[in-house]
Amino acid sequence: ASGKGVKGNPARAFDLYRRIINENDEIDPRHKRAEQVADAYVALGNYYRTGIPNLIDPDKLRAVALLHYAASFYGSADAQCDLAQMYLEGEGVKRNERLAVSWLANAAKKRHGRAQALLGDLLWHGSEKVARQPAKGLALLALAKQNAKGEAESRWIAVAYDGAYAESDEAVRERAVELSALWQGRMGQAGKVLSAQSMPVGAGDDDSGAAVQDGITQVGLGSQ
C-alpha cells in the first residue's frame, strides 16, 4: 500500500496510513519501506493537525507527536518542515523559534524547497529571536526556487525571492550567490538521519563571510 488512489478520499487515506504505521512500526530507517512509512506518519500527523470532517477532530498534540517521530526517527524532511511550522506558529506547542530554525535547517540541507524558503524568509527579515542575515536568507530563497515542488509552491517562493532580491543591495546579492553555490555543493550528501540535536545552531553573527559561518545552521539566533 502506497497511498495512491486515496488522495480524494480522506477517510480511506486516514485508514490506509494508520494501517501502514501499525504494520511497520519502528521499521529501520535504512529499510526500503522506511520512506513510505515516514510519509504515512507525516500524512497522519497532518490529518490530526487539521482534522477530517465527520471523522476526527483536530488534535494538535497528536499531530506534533507523529510529526516529531517521523522527523527524528526517520529524518523525514517533510515532517521536519511541518513540525518547524508548528513551532513557529505555536500550534499545539509553545512557540519556539529556536527549535523551528533547527528543524528547518535539517530539512533545508536535504534540498527541501519549502523549508529552504521558510528559513530563508526568516533570516532575511529577522525576528526577536533570529538575527537578520539577509545574504543567507536570499541564498536560501534562491535555492528554494530550484527545489520547489508544484506550481503553487513555486509561485509563493518566487514572490518571496523577488521581494527580497529587490530590497537587497549589490553586496548582499553577491554574497548570496557565493553562499548558494557553496551550499548547493554540500546539500543532500549525508545519507544518515540527522536529528535537530545533531545540527548546531550558531550564536549571532554577521554576513561578513568568515568560513566558520558559512554553514546553513549557523543562523545567528538572538540572545534568549
N, C-alpha and C. Protein backbone atom coordinates (compact mmCIF):
# COMPACT_ATOMS: atom_id res chain seq x y z
N ALA A 1 0.85 -1.19 0.00
CA ALA A 1 0.00 0.00 0.00
C ALA A 1 0.88 1.24 0.00
N SER A 2 0.58 2.18 -0.87
CA SER A 2 1.42 3.36 -1.01
C SER A 2 0.67 4.65 -0.77
N GLY A 3 -0.66 4.58 -0.70
CA GLY A 3 -1.45 5.80 -0.54
C GLY A 3 -1.98 6.32 -1.85
N LYS A 4 -1.54 5.74 -2.98
CA LYS A 4 -2.04 6.16 -4.27
C LYS A 4 -3.50 5.74 -4.42
N GLY A 5 -4.29 6.59 -5.04
CA GLY A 5 -5.68 6.26 -5.29
C GLY A 5 -6.63 6.65 -4.17
N VAL A 6 -6.10 7.21 -3.08
CA VAL A 6 -6.97 7.60 -1.96
C VAL A 6 -6.90 9.09 -1.68
N LYS A 7 -6.21 9.83 -2.54
CA LYS A 7 -5.98 11.25 -2.29
C LYS A 7 -7.28 12.02 -2.15
N GLY A 8 -8.30 11.66 -2.92
CA GLY A 8 -9.56 12.38 -2.86
C GLY A 8 -10.53 11.86 -1.82
N ASN A 9 -10.09 10.89 -1.05
CA ASN A 9 -10.94 10.29 -0.03
C ASN A 9 -10.20 10.29 1.30
N PRO A 10 -10.32 11.36 2.08
CA PRO A 10 -9.55 11.46 3.32
C PRO A 10 -9.81 10.32 4.30
N ALA A 11 -11.04 9.83 4.37
CA ALA A 11 -11.35 8.75 5.30
C ALA A 11 -10.60 7.48 4.94
N ARG A 12 -10.59 7.14 3.66
CA ARG A 12 -9.85 5.95 3.21
C ARG A 12 -8.36 6.14 3.40
N ALA A 13 -7.88 7.36 3.07
CA ALA A 13 -6.46 7.64 3.22
C ALA A 13 -6.03 7.53 4.69
N PHE A 14 -6.85 8.08 5.57
CA PHE A 14 -6.55 8.02 7.00
C PHE A 14 -6.40 6.58 7.47
N ASP A 15 -7.35 5.72 7.07
CA ASP A 15 -7.28 4.31 7.46
C ASP A 15 -6.06 3.62 6.85
N LEU A 16 -5.75 3.95 5.61
CA LEU A 16 -4.60 3.33 4.96
C LEU A 16 -3.30 3.71 5.64
N TYR A 17 -3.12 5.00 5.92
CA TYR A 17 -1.88 5.43 6.56
C TYR A 17 -1.74 4.87 7.96
N ARG A 18 -2.87 4.78 8.67
CA ARG A 18 -2.83 4.19 10.01
C ARG A 18 -2.44 2.72 9.94
N ARG A 19 -2.93 2.02 8.92
CA ARG A 19 -2.58 0.62 8.77
C ARG A 19 -1.11 0.45 8.42
N ILE A 20 -0.60 1.31 7.54
CA ILE A 20 0.83 1.24 7.19
C ILE A 20 1.70 1.40 8.44
N ILE A 21 1.31 2.35 9.29
CA ILE A 21 2.08 2.58 10.52
C ILE A 21 1.98 1.38 11.46
N ASN A 22 0.78 0.86 11.64
CA ASN A 22 0.59 -0.28 12.55
C ASN A 22 1.35 -1.51 12.09
N GLU A 23 1.47 -1.70 10.78
CA GLU A 23 2.12 -2.89 10.25
C GLU A 23 3.64 -2.73 10.14
N ASN A 24 4.12 -1.49 10.23
CA ASN A 24 5.57 -1.27 10.04
C ASN A 24 6.17 -0.39 11.13
N ASP A 25 5.57 -0.37 12.29
CA ASP A 25 6.03 0.50 13.38
C ASP A 25 7.48 0.21 13.73
N GLU A 26 8.28 1.26 13.82
CA GLU A 26 9.69 1.18 14.19
C GLU A 26 10.54 0.39 13.19
N ILE A 27 10.11 0.37 11.94
CA ILE A 27 10.94 -0.24 10.91
C ILE A 27 12.24 0.56 10.79
N ASP A 28 13.34 -0.13 10.51
CA ASP A 28 14.63 0.54 10.45
C ASP A 28 14.62 1.64 9.40
N PRO A 29 15.17 2.83 9.73
CA PRO A 29 15.19 3.94 8.76
C PRO A 29 15.92 3.61 7.47
N ARG A 30 16.77 2.57 7.48
CA ARG A 30 17.50 2.19 6.27
C ARG A 30 16.74 1.19 5.42
N HIS A 31 15.61 0.70 5.92
CA HIS A 31 14.81 -0.28 5.19
C HIS A 31 14.21 0.35 3.94
N LYS A 32 13.99 -0.47 2.93
CA LYS A 32 13.48 0.06 1.66
C LYS A 32 12.08 0.64 1.79
N ARG A 33 11.33 0.23 2.82
CA ARG A 33 9.98 0.76 3.02
C ARG A 33 9.96 1.95 3.98
N ALA A 34 11.11 2.36 4.49
CA ALA A 34 11.15 3.41 5.51
C ALA A 34 10.55 4.72 5.03
N GLU A 35 10.84 5.10 3.79
CA GLU A 35 10.31 6.37 3.28
C GLU A 35 8.78 6.33 3.21
N GLN A 36 8.24 5.20 2.80
CA GLN A 36 6.79 5.06 2.74
C GLN A 36 6.16 5.16 4.13
N VAL A 37 6.81 4.54 5.11
CA VAL A 37 6.30 4.60 6.48
C VAL A 37 6.39 6.03 7.02
N ALA A 38 7.51 6.68 6.75
CA ALA A 38 7.66 8.07 7.19
C ALA A 38 6.59 8.96 6.57
N ASP A 39 6.31 8.75 5.29
CA ASP A 39 5.26 9.53 4.63
C ASP A 39 3.90 9.29 5.27
N ALA A 40 3.67 8.07 5.72
CA ALA A 40 2.40 7.76 6.39
C ALA A 40 2.29 8.51 7.72
N TYR A 41 3.39 8.58 8.47
CA TYR A 41 3.40 9.35 9.71
C TYR A 41 3.11 10.83 9.43
N VAL A 42 3.72 11.37 8.37
CA VAL A 42 3.51 12.77 8.03
C VAL A 42 2.05 13.02 7.64
N ALA A 43 1.52 12.14 6.80
CA ALA A 43 0.14 12.31 6.36
C ALA A 43 -0.83 12.21 7.53
N LEU A 44 -0.62 11.22 8.39
CA LEU A 44 -1.49 11.05 9.54
C LEU A 44 -1.36 12.23 10.50
N GLY A 45 -0.14 12.69 10.69
CA GLY A 45 0.07 13.85 11.55
C GLY A 45 -0.67 15.07 11.05
N ASN A 46 -0.65 15.29 9.74
CA ASN A 46 -1.33 16.46 9.19
C ASN A 46 -2.84 16.29 9.19
N TYR A 47 -3.33 15.06 9.12
CA TYR A 47 -4.77 14.85 9.28
C TYR A 47 -5.20 15.22 10.70
N TYR A 48 -4.41 14.82 11.69
CA TYR A 48 -4.74 15.20 13.06
C TYR A 48 -4.55 16.71 13.27
N ARG A 49 -3.65 17.29 12.53
CA ARG A 49 -3.40 18.73 12.66
C ARG A 49 -4.62 19.55 12.22
N THR A 50 -5.26 19.12 11.14
CA THR A 50 -6.39 19.87 10.59
C THR A 50 -7.74 19.27 10.93
N GLY A 51 -7.74 17.95 11.23
CA GLY A 51 -8.99 17.25 11.41
C GLY A 51 -9.58 16.82 10.08
N ILE A 52 -10.52 15.87 10.13
CA ILE A 52 -11.25 15.41 8.95
C ILE A 52 -12.74 15.52 9.28
N PRO A 53 -13.47 16.33 8.54
CA PRO A 53 -14.90 16.50 8.85
C PRO A 53 -15.64 15.17 8.96
N ASN A 54 -16.43 15.03 10.01
CA ASN A 54 -17.25 13.84 10.26
C ASN A 54 -16.44 12.59 10.56
N LEU A 55 -15.13 12.76 10.82
CA LEU A 55 -14.31 11.60 11.15
C LEU A 55 -13.45 11.83 12.39
N ILE A 56 -12.57 12.83 12.36
CA ILE A 56 -11.74 13.14 13.53
C ILE A 56 -11.66 14.64 13.73
N ASP A 57 -11.65 15.05 14.99
CA ASP A 57 -11.44 16.46 15.33
C ASP A 57 -9.95 16.77 15.30
N PRO A 58 -9.58 18.01 15.10
CA PRO A 58 -8.15 18.37 15.18
C PRO A 58 -7.57 17.98 16.53
N ASP A 59 -6.38 17.42 16.50
CA ASP A 59 -5.68 17.04 17.72
C ASP A 59 -4.22 17.45 17.53
N LYS A 60 -3.92 18.68 17.91
CA LYS A 60 -2.60 19.25 17.65
C LYS A 60 -1.49 18.49 18.37
N LEU A 61 -1.77 18.04 19.59
CA LEU A 61 -0.74 17.34 20.35
C LEU A 61 -0.37 16.03 19.67
N ARG A 62 -1.37 15.31 19.19
CA ARG A 62 -1.08 14.06 18.49
C ARG A 62 -0.37 14.35 17.17
N ALA A 63 -0.74 15.43 16.51
CA ALA A 63 -0.06 15.80 15.27
C ALA A 63 1.42 16.07 15.52
N VAL A 64 1.72 16.81 16.58
CA VAL A 64 3.11 17.10 16.92
C VAL A 64 3.87 15.80 17.20
N ALA A 65 3.25 14.89 17.95
CA ALA A 65 3.92 13.63 18.29
C ALA A 65 4.24 12.81 17.04
N LEU A 66 3.30 12.71 16.12
CA LEU A 66 3.51 11.93 14.90
C LEU A 66 4.57 12.57 14.01
N LEU A 67 4.49 13.87 13.86
CA LEU A 67 5.48 14.57 13.03
C LEU A 67 6.87 14.52 13.65
N HIS A 68 6.93 14.64 14.97
CA HIS A 68 8.23 14.58 15.65
C HIS A 68 8.88 13.22 15.45
N TYR A 69 8.08 12.16 15.51
CA TYR A 69 8.63 10.82 15.32
C TYR A 69 9.18 10.66 13.90
N ALA A 70 8.40 11.10 12.92
CA ALA A 70 8.86 11.00 11.54
C ALA A 70 10.09 11.87 11.29
N ALA A 71 10.13 13.03 11.94
CA ALA A 71 11.25 13.95 11.76
C ALA A 71 12.53 13.44 12.40
N SER A 72 12.41 12.86 13.58
CA SER A 72 13.61 12.46 14.33
C SER A 72 14.04 11.03 14.03
N PHE A 73 13.11 10.08 13.99
CA PHE A 73 13.48 8.67 13.79
C PHE A 73 13.79 8.38 12.33
N TYR A 74 12.95 8.91 11.43
CA TYR A 74 13.14 8.65 10.01
C TYR A 74 13.87 9.76 9.27
N GLY A 75 14.03 10.92 9.91
CA GLY A 75 14.71 12.02 9.25
C GLY A 75 13.93 12.59 8.08
N SER A 76 12.59 12.50 8.14
CA SER A 76 11.75 12.98 7.04
C SER A 76 11.82 14.50 6.93
N ALA A 77 12.22 14.98 5.77
CA ALA A 77 12.30 16.44 5.56
C ALA A 77 10.91 17.08 5.59
N ASP A 78 9.90 16.38 5.06
CA ASP A 78 8.54 16.92 5.12
C ASP A 78 8.10 17.08 6.57
N ALA A 79 8.37 16.07 7.40
CA ALA A 79 7.98 16.15 8.80
C ALA A 79 8.75 17.25 9.52
N GLN A 80 10.03 17.38 9.22
CA GLN A 80 10.84 18.41 9.86
C GLN A 80 10.31 19.80 9.52
N CYS A 81 9.91 20.00 8.28
CA CYS A 81 9.39 21.29 7.86
C CYS A 81 8.02 21.56 8.50
N ASP A 82 7.14 20.56 8.49
CA ASP A 82 5.82 20.74 9.10
C ASP A 82 5.93 21.01 10.59
N LEU A 83 6.81 20.27 11.25
CA LEU A 83 7.00 20.45 12.68
C LEU A 83 7.54 21.85 12.98
N ALA A 84 8.47 22.30 12.15
CA ALA A 84 9.01 23.65 12.31
C ALA A 84 7.92 24.70 12.21
N GLN A 85 7.01 24.52 11.26
CA GLN A 85 5.92 25.48 11.11
C GLN A 85 5.02 25.51 12.34
N MET A 86 4.83 24.34 12.96
CA MET A 86 4.00 24.30 14.16
C MET A 86 4.70 25.03 15.31
N TYR A 87 6.02 24.92 15.39
CA TYR A 87 6.76 25.65 16.42
C TYR A 87 6.76 27.16 16.12
N LEU A 88 6.82 27.52 14.85
CA LEU A 88 6.78 28.94 14.50
C LEU A 88 5.44 29.57 14.85
N GLU A 89 4.37 28.80 14.68
CA GLU A 89 3.03 29.32 14.92
C GLU A 89 2.54 29.07 16.35
N GLY A 90 3.30 28.28 17.13
CA GLY A 90 2.80 27.90 18.45
C GLY A 90 1.57 27.03 18.33
N GLU A 91 1.58 26.14 17.37
CA GLU A 91 0.42 25.31 17.04
C GLU A 91 0.56 23.95 17.72
N GLY A 92 -0.13 23.77 18.84
CA GLY A 92 -0.04 22.52 19.58
C GLY A 92 1.17 22.43 20.49
N VAL A 93 2.04 23.43 20.41
CA VAL A 93 3.25 23.50 21.23
C VAL A 93 3.48 24.96 21.60
N LYS A 94 4.34 25.18 22.58
CA LYS A 94 4.73 26.55 22.89
C LYS A 94 5.59 27.08 21.74
N ARG A 95 5.31 28.30 21.31
CA ARG A 95 6.07 28.88 20.20
C ARG A 95 7.55 28.90 20.54
N ASN A 96 8.38 28.39 19.62
CA ASN A 96 9.81 28.26 19.88
C ASN A 96 10.57 28.41 18.56
N GLU A 97 11.06 29.61 18.29
CA GLU A 97 11.77 29.86 17.04
C GLU A 97 13.09 29.10 16.98
N ARG A 98 13.71 28.88 18.12
CA ARG A 98 14.98 28.16 18.13
C ARG A 98 14.81 26.73 17.59
N LEU A 99 13.78 26.03 18.08
CA LEU A 99 13.53 24.68 17.58
C LEU A 99 13.07 24.72 16.13
N ALA A 100 12.26 25.71 15.79
CA ALA A 100 11.79 25.82 14.42
C ALA A 100 12.95 25.97 13.45
N VAL A 101 13.89 26.85 13.78
CA VAL A 101 15.05 27.07 12.92
C VAL A 101 15.88 25.80 12.79
N SER A 102 16.04 25.09 13.88
CA SER A 102 16.84 23.87 13.86
C SER A 102 16.21 22.82 12.94
N TRP A 103 14.89 22.65 13.05
CA TRP A 103 14.21 21.68 12.17
C TRP A 103 14.23 22.13 10.72
N LEU A 104 14.04 23.43 10.48
CA LEU A 104 14.10 23.93 9.11
C LEU A 104 15.48 23.71 8.50
N ALA A 105 16.52 23.92 9.30
CA ALA A 105 17.89 23.71 8.81
C ALA A 105 18.11 22.26 8.43
N ASN A 106 17.58 21.34 9.23
CA ASN A 106 17.68 19.91 8.88
C ASN A 106 17.07 19.64 7.53
N ALA A 107 15.84 20.12 7.33
CA ALA A 107 15.14 19.87 6.08
C ALA A 107 15.79 20.61 4.92
N ALA A 108 16.26 21.82 5.15
CA ALA A 108 16.88 22.61 4.10
C ALA A 108 18.11 21.91 3.54
N LYS A 109 18.87 21.24 4.40
CA LYS A 109 20.07 20.54 3.96
C LYS A 109 19.73 19.37 3.04
N LYS A 110 18.47 18.94 3.06
CA LYS A 110 18.04 17.83 2.21
C LYS A 110 17.35 18.33 0.95
N ARG A 111 17.60 19.56 0.58
CA ARG A 111 17.05 20.17 -0.63
C ARG A 111 15.53 20.25 -0.57
N HIS A 112 14.99 20.52 0.59
CA HIS A 112 13.54 20.66 0.75
C HIS A 112 13.18 22.12 0.49
N GLY A 113 12.54 22.37 -0.65
CA GLY A 113 12.31 23.74 -1.09
C GLY A 113 11.51 24.58 -0.12
N ARG A 114 10.43 24.03 0.42
CA ARG A 114 9.59 24.81 1.34
C ARG A 114 10.36 25.18 2.59
N ALA A 115 11.15 24.24 3.12
CA ALA A 115 11.95 24.54 4.31
C ALA A 115 13.00 25.60 4.01
N GLN A 116 13.65 25.49 2.86
CA GLN A 116 14.65 26.49 2.48
C GLN A 116 14.01 27.87 2.38
N ALA A 117 12.81 27.93 1.82
CA ALA A 117 12.14 29.22 1.66
C ALA A 117 11.72 29.80 3.00
N LEU A 118 11.17 28.96 3.89
CA LEU A 118 10.74 29.46 5.20
C LEU A 118 11.93 29.94 6.01
N LEU A 119 13.01 29.17 5.99
CA LEU A 119 14.21 29.57 6.72
C LEU A 119 14.83 30.81 6.09
N GLY A 120 14.87 30.84 4.76
CA GLY A 120 15.43 32.00 4.08
C GLY A 120 14.65 33.27 4.37
N ASP A 121 13.33 33.17 4.34
CA ASP A 121 12.49 34.33 4.63
C ASP A 121 12.68 34.81 6.06
N LEU A 122 12.80 33.85 6.98
CA LEU A 122 13.02 34.20 8.38
C LEU A 122 14.36 34.89 8.57
N LEU A 123 15.40 34.39 7.92
CA LEU A 123 16.72 35.00 8.05
C LEU A 123 16.77 36.36 7.35
N TRP A 124 16.08 36.48 6.24
CA TRP A 124 16.13 37.76 5.52
C TRP A 124 15.46 38.87 6.32
N HIS A 125 14.32 38.56 6.93
CA HIS A 125 13.61 39.57 7.71
C HIS A 125 14.14 39.70 9.13
N GLY A 126 14.57 38.57 9.72
CA GLY A 126 14.96 38.57 11.13
C GLY A 126 13.73 38.63 12.02
N SER A 127 13.94 38.39 13.31
CA SER A 127 12.85 38.43 14.28
C SER A 127 13.44 38.71 15.65
N GLU A 128 12.59 38.64 16.65
CA GLU A 128 13.06 38.88 18.02
C GLU A 128 14.14 37.88 18.43
N LYS A 129 14.01 36.64 17.97
CA LYS A 129 14.95 35.58 18.37
C LYS A 129 15.97 35.22 17.29
N VAL A 130 15.72 35.62 16.07
CA VAL A 130 16.60 35.24 14.96
C VAL A 130 17.24 36.49 14.38
N ALA A 131 18.55 36.55 14.45
CA ALA A 131 19.28 37.70 13.92
C ALA A 131 19.09 37.81 12.41
N ARG A 132 18.89 39.01 11.92
CA ARG A 132 18.71 39.21 10.49
C ARG A 132 20.02 38.96 9.75
N GLN A 133 19.97 38.10 8.75
CA GLN A 133 21.14 37.77 7.94
C GLN A 133 20.69 37.73 6.48
N PRO A 134 20.61 38.89 5.85
CA PRO A 134 19.99 38.97 4.53
C PRO A 134 20.67 38.15 3.44
N ALA A 135 21.98 38.07 3.44
CA ALA A 135 22.66 37.30 2.39
C ALA A 135 22.33 35.82 2.50
N LYS A 136 22.34 35.30 3.71
CA LYS A 136 22.00 33.89 3.90
C LYS A 136 20.53 33.64 3.56
N GLY A 137 19.69 34.59 3.95
CA GLY A 137 18.28 34.45 3.63
C GLY A 137 18.03 34.44 2.13
N LEU A 138 18.66 35.36 1.42
CA LEU A 138 18.49 35.44 -0.03
C LEU A 138 19.06 34.20 -0.71
N ALA A 139 20.18 33.68 -0.21
CA ALA A 139 20.77 32.47 -0.78
C ALA A 139 19.83 31.28 -0.64
N LEU A 140 19.21 31.15 0.52
CA LEU A 140 18.28 30.04 0.73
C LEU A 140 17.03 30.19 -0.13
N LEU A 141 16.56 31.40 -0.29
CA LEU A 141 15.40 31.62 -1.16
C LEU A 141 15.74 31.27 -2.61
N ALA A 142 16.96 31.56 -3.03
CA ALA A 142 17.38 31.21 -4.39
C ALA A 142 17.40 29.69 -4.57
N LEU A 143 17.91 28.98 -3.57
CA LEU A 143 17.93 27.52 -3.63
C LEU A 143 16.51 26.97 -3.60
N ALA A 144 15.65 27.59 -2.81
CA ALA A 144 14.27 27.14 -2.71
C ALA A 144 13.56 27.21 -4.05
N LYS A 145 13.87 28.23 -4.85
CA LYS A 145 13.27 28.34 -6.18
C LYS A 145 13.61 27.12 -7.03
N GLN A 146 14.81 26.61 -6.88
CA GLN A 146 15.24 25.44 -7.66
C GLN A 146 14.59 24.16 -7.16
N ASN A 147 14.26 24.11 -5.88
CA ASN A 147 13.78 22.87 -5.28
C ASN A 147 12.29 22.86 -4.95
N ALA A 148 11.58 23.89 -5.40
CA ALA A 148 10.15 23.97 -5.13
C ALA A 148 9.41 22.81 -5.80
N LYS A 149 8.35 22.37 -5.14
CA LYS A 149 7.53 21.28 -5.67
C LYS A 149 6.14 21.82 -6.01
N GLY A 150 5.78 21.69 -7.24
CA GLY A 150 4.43 22.09 -7.63
C GLY A 150 4.32 23.57 -7.97
N GLU A 151 3.28 23.91 -8.72
CA GLU A 151 3.10 25.27 -9.20
C GLU A 151 2.82 26.25 -8.08
N ALA A 152 1.95 25.87 -7.15
CA ALA A 152 1.58 26.78 -6.07
C ALA A 152 2.79 27.13 -5.20
N GLU A 153 3.58 26.10 -4.83
CA GLU A 153 4.77 26.34 -4.02
C GLU A 153 5.78 27.19 -4.78
N SER A 154 5.93 26.90 -6.05
CA SER A 154 6.88 27.67 -6.87
C SER A 154 6.50 29.15 -6.91
N ARG A 155 5.20 29.43 -6.99
CA ARG A 155 4.75 30.82 -7.09
C ARG A 155 5.07 31.61 -5.83
N TRP A 156 4.71 31.06 -4.65
CA TRP A 156 4.92 31.88 -3.44
C TRP A 156 6.40 32.01 -3.11
N ILE A 157 7.18 30.98 -3.45
CA ILE A 157 8.62 31.09 -3.22
C ILE A 157 9.22 32.15 -4.15
N ALA A 158 8.77 32.18 -5.40
CA ALA A 158 9.26 33.18 -6.34
C ALA A 158 8.92 34.59 -5.88
N VAL A 159 7.72 34.76 -5.33
CA VAL A 159 7.32 36.08 -4.82
C VAL A 159 8.23 36.49 -3.66
N ALA A 160 8.50 35.54 -2.74
CA ALA A 160 9.37 35.83 -1.60
C ALA A 160 10.78 36.18 -2.06
N TYR A 161 11.31 35.41 -3.02
CA TYR A 161 12.65 35.68 -3.52
C TYR A 161 12.72 37.03 -4.23
N ASP A 162 11.75 37.29 -5.11
CA ASP A 162 11.78 38.55 -5.87
C ASP A 162 11.71 39.76 -4.94
N GLY A 163 10.90 39.65 -3.89
CA GLY A 163 10.80 40.76 -2.94
C GLY A 163 12.10 40.99 -2.20
N ALA A 164 12.72 39.90 -1.73
CA ALA A 164 13.99 40.02 -1.01
C ALA A 164 15.10 40.54 -1.93
N TYR A 165 15.12 40.03 -3.16
CA TYR A 165 16.16 40.46 -4.11
C TYR A 165 16.04 41.95 -4.42
N ALA A 166 14.81 42.41 -4.62
CA ALA A 166 14.59 43.81 -4.97
C ALA A 166 15.04 44.76 -3.86
N GLU A 167 14.95 44.30 -2.62
CA GLU A 167 15.29 45.15 -1.49
C GLU A 167 16.73 44.96 -1.01
N SER A 168 17.48 44.09 -1.67
CA SER A 168 18.87 43.82 -1.28
C SER A 168 19.83 44.70 -2.07
N ASP A 169 20.92 45.12 -1.42
CA ASP A 169 21.92 45.88 -2.16
C ASP A 169 22.86 44.91 -2.89
N GLU A 170 23.77 45.47 -3.67
CA GLU A 170 24.63 44.64 -4.51
C GLU A 170 25.54 43.73 -3.69
N ALA A 171 26.01 44.20 -2.55
CA ALA A 171 26.89 43.37 -1.71
C ALA A 171 26.15 42.14 -1.20
N VAL A 172 24.93 42.33 -0.77
CA VAL A 172 24.13 41.20 -0.28
C VAL A 172 23.85 40.22 -1.42
N ARG A 173 23.53 40.72 -2.59
CA ARG A 173 23.26 39.85 -3.74
C ARG A 173 24.48 39.02 -4.11
N GLU A 174 25.66 39.66 -4.12
CA GLU A 174 26.88 38.94 -4.49
C GLU A 174 27.22 37.88 -3.45
N ARG A 175 27.05 38.22 -2.17
CA ARG A 175 27.33 37.25 -1.12
C ARG A 175 26.34 36.09 -1.19
N ALA A 176 25.09 36.38 -1.52
CA ALA A 176 24.07 35.33 -1.63
C ALA A 176 24.41 34.35 -2.75
N VAL A 177 24.94 34.87 -3.86
CA VAL A 177 25.35 34.00 -4.96
C VAL A 177 26.47 33.07 -4.51
N GLU A 178 27.44 33.60 -3.76
CA GLU A 178 28.54 32.78 -3.25
C GLU A 178 28.02 31.68 -2.34
N LEU A 179 27.14 32.05 -1.40
CA LEU A 179 26.62 31.08 -0.44
C LEU A 179 25.76 30.02 -1.09
N SER A 180 24.91 30.41 -2.02
CA SER A 180 24.04 29.42 -2.67
C SER A 180 24.87 28.41 -3.45
N ALA A 181 25.94 28.86 -4.09
CA ALA A 181 26.81 27.94 -4.82
C ALA A 181 27.52 27.00 -3.86
N LEU A 182 27.98 27.54 -2.73
CA LEU A 182 28.66 26.73 -1.73
C LEU A 182 27.72 25.67 -1.15
N TRP A 183 26.54 26.10 -0.75
CA TRP A 183 25.58 25.18 -0.13
C TRP A 183 25.04 24.15 -1.11
N GLN A 184 24.86 24.57 -2.36
CA GLN A 184 24.35 23.64 -3.37
C GLN A 184 25.26 22.43 -3.48
N GLY A 185 26.57 22.64 -3.35
CA GLY A 185 27.50 21.54 -3.45
C GLY A 185 27.53 20.65 -2.22
N ARG A 186 27.04 21.16 -1.09
CA ARG A 186 27.09 20.41 0.16
C ARG A 186 25.79 19.69 0.47
N MET A 187 24.69 20.13 -0.08
CA MET A 187 23.38 19.63 0.34
C MET A 187 23.13 18.21 -0.13
N GLY A 188 22.40 17.49 0.70
CA GLY A 188 21.90 16.20 0.33
C GLY A 188 22.94 15.11 0.19
N GLN A 189 24.17 15.36 0.68
CA GLN A 189 25.22 14.36 0.52
C GLN A 189 25.26 13.36 1.67
N ALA A 190 24.84 13.79 2.86
CA ALA A 190 24.85 12.88 4.00
C ALA A 190 23.59 12.03 3.98
N GLY A 191 23.75 10.70 3.93
CA GLY A 191 22.60 9.83 3.82
C GLY A 191 21.99 9.44 5.15
N LYS A 192 22.60 9.82 6.24
CA LYS A 192 22.10 9.38 7.53
C LYS A 192 21.04 10.32 8.07
N VAL A 193 20.25 9.80 9.00
CA VAL A 193 19.24 10.61 9.65
C VAL A 193 19.93 11.58 10.59
N LEU A 194 19.55 12.86 10.51
CA LEU A 194 20.14 13.88 11.37
C LEU A 194 19.05 14.49 12.22
N SER A 195 19.15 14.35 13.51
CA SER A 195 18.15 14.95 14.39
C SER A 195 18.48 16.41 14.61
N ALA A 196 17.52 17.13 15.17
CA ALA A 196 17.76 18.55 15.44
C ALA A 196 18.93 18.73 16.39
N GLN A 197 19.07 17.79 17.34
CA GLN A 197 20.12 17.93 18.33
C GLN A 197 21.51 17.80 17.71
N SER A 198 21.61 17.12 16.57
CA SER A 198 22.92 16.93 15.94
C SER A 198 23.29 18.07 15.00
N MET A 199 22.39 19.05 14.88
CA MET A 199 22.63 20.16 13.97
C MET A 199 22.84 21.43 14.77
N PRO A 200 24.08 21.86 14.99
CA PRO A 200 24.31 23.02 15.85
C PRO A 200 23.76 24.30 15.26
N VAL A 201 23.20 25.13 16.11
CA VAL A 201 22.71 26.44 15.70
C VAL A 201 23.65 27.48 16.26
N GLY A 202 24.19 28.32 15.38
CA GLY A 202 25.25 29.23 15.79
C GLY A 202 24.75 30.40 16.60
N ALA A 203 25.67 31.03 17.32
CA ALA A 203 25.37 32.28 18.01
C ALA A 203 25.29 33.39 16.99
N GLY A 204 24.88 34.56 17.42
CA GLY A 204 24.71 35.68 16.49
C GLY A 204 25.98 35.97 15.71
N ASP A 205 25.81 36.18 14.40
CA ASP A 205 26.96 36.54 13.59
C ASP A 205 26.47 37.47 12.48
N ASP A 206 27.42 38.06 11.76
CA ASP A 206 27.03 38.91 10.65
C ASP A 206 27.26 38.16 9.34
N ASP A 207 27.11 38.83 8.23
CA ASP A 207 27.27 38.20 6.92
C ASP A 207 28.63 38.52 6.30
N SER A 208 29.64 38.72 7.14
CA SER A 208 30.94 39.14 6.63
C SER A 208 31.67 38.05 5.88
N GLY A 209 31.27 36.78 6.07
CA GLY A 209 31.81 35.73 5.23
C GLY A 209 32.91 34.90 5.84
N ALA A 210 33.11 34.94 7.14
CA ALA A 210 34.10 34.05 7.75
C ALA A 210 33.72 32.61 7.46
N ALA A 211 34.73 31.78 7.16
CA ALA A 211 34.46 30.41 6.73
C ALA A 211 33.62 29.64 7.74
N VAL A 212 33.88 29.84 9.02
CA VAL A 212 33.16 29.08 10.04
C VAL A 212 31.69 29.43 10.05
N GLN A 213 31.30 30.55 9.46
CA GLN A 213 29.92 30.99 9.47
C GLN A 213 29.18 30.63 8.19
N ASP A 214 29.79 29.86 7.31
CA ASP A 214 29.18 29.58 6.02
C ASP A 214 28.13 28.49 6.07
N GLY A 215 28.03 27.74 7.16
CA GLY A 215 27.07 26.65 7.22
C GLY A 215 25.65 27.15 7.33
N ILE A 216 24.72 26.40 6.77
CA ILE A 216 23.31 26.77 6.82
C ILE A 216 22.83 26.87 8.25
N THR A 217 23.36 26.00 9.12
CA THR A 217 22.85 26.01 10.50
C THR A 217 23.44 27.11 11.36
N GLN A 218 24.41 27.85 10.85
CA GLN A 218 24.95 28.98 11.61
C GLN A 218 24.05 30.19 11.35
N VAL A 219 22.85 30.16 11.90
CA VAL A 219 21.85 31.13 11.51
C VAL A 219 21.74 32.32 12.44
N GLY A 220 22.50 32.33 13.51
CA GLY A 220 22.56 33.53 14.33
C GLY A 220 21.33 33.83 15.11
N LEU A 221 20.97 32.96 16.06
CA LEU A 221 19.85 33.25 16.91
C LEU A 221 20.21 34.36 17.89
N GLY A 222 19.25 35.21 18.15
CA GLY A 222 19.46 36.27 19.13
C GLY A 222 19.54 35.70 20.53
N SER A 223 19.96 36.51 21.49
CA SER A 223 20.07 36.07 22.86
C SER A 223 18.71 35.70 23.42
N GLN A 224 18.72 34.70 24.29
CA GLN A 224 17.46 34.22 24.87
C GLN A 224 17.05 35.06 26.05
